[in-house]
Amino acid sequence: MTAEETLDEPPTEESTDETTDRDQSHLTDVEDGAGCTEIWEHLSDRRENDADEE
């Protein structure tokens, strides 16, 4: 969200393209509605597993 956008305004085509172009594959196992803590734990666990495999 840019400084010009507010939560009440629908996303513009530009901001929608911005979010769809990002690689979000690292979040596929995170449940919808997860908060910051759950996402952090998921990413931390994933990093640990990747380090163990090396």
Protein backbone atom coordinates (compact mmCIF):
# COMPACT_ATOMS: atom_id res chain seq x y z
CA MET A 1 0.00 0.00 0.00
CA THR A 2 1.38 3.38 -0.92
CA ALA A 3 1.08 6.55 1.10
CA GLU A 4 -1.58 7.80 -1.32
CA GLU A 5 -3.83 4.76 -0.80
CA THR A 6 -6.07 4.22 2.17
CA LEU A 7 -7.77 1.08 3.46
CA ASP A 8 -11.14 2.41 2.23
CA GLU A 9 -10.02 2.70 -1.38
CA PRO A 10 -9.91 -0.33 -3.67
CA PRO A 11 -6.41 -1.22 -4.88
CA THR A 12 -5.35 0.39 -8.11
CA GLU A 13 -4.23 -1.69 -11.06
CA GLU A 14 -0.63 -0.64 -10.36
CA SER A 15 -0.66 -1.79 -6.73
CA THR A 16 -2.40 -5.06 -7.64
CA ASP A 17 0.28 -5.85 -10.22
CA GLU A 18 2.94 -5.03 -7.65
CA THR A 19 1.70 -7.67 -5.21
CA THR A 20 1.05 -10.38 -7.79
CA ASP A 21 4.56 -10.08 -9.23
CA ARG A 22 6.19 -10.97 -5.90
CA ASP A 23 7.30 -14.53 -5.26
CA GLN A 24 5.14 -15.73 -2.37
CA SER A 25 5.93 -19.44 -2.62
CA HIS A 26 7.66 -19.32 0.77
CA LEU A 27 4.25 -18.60 2.33
CA THR A 28 2.27 -21.46 0.77
CA ASP A 29 2.20 -23.45 4.03
CA VAL A 30 1.03 -20.47 6.12
CA GLU A 31 -2.68 -20.49 6.93
CA ASP A 32 -4.85 -17.61 5.74
CA GLY A 33 -5.25 -15.05 8.48
CA ALA A 34 -1.94 -15.92 10.16
CA GLY A 35 -0.33 -13.09 12.07
CA CYS A 36 3.22 -11.83 12.20
CA THR A 37 4.27 -14.34 14.85
CA GLU A 38 2.98 -17.35 12.92
CA ILE A 39 4.64 -16.17 9.72
CA TRP A 40 7.93 -15.50 11.54
CA GLU A 41 7.85 -18.97 13.12
CA HIS A 42 7.09 -20.59 9.77
CA LEU A 43 9.99 -18.80 8.06
CA SER A 44 12.33 -19.53 10.96
CA ASP A 45 11.45 -23.24 10.90
CA ARG A 46 11.92 -23.33 7.14
CA ARG A 47 15.39 -21.75 7.45
CA GLU A 48 16.37 -24.30 10.13
CA ASN A 49 15.22 -27.17 7.92
CA ASP A 50 17.14 -25.78 4.95
CA ALA A 51 20.29 -25.44 7.09
CA ASP A 52 19.92 -29.03 8.34
CA GLU A 53 19.72 -30.34 4.78
CA GLU A 54 23.03 -28.69 3.83
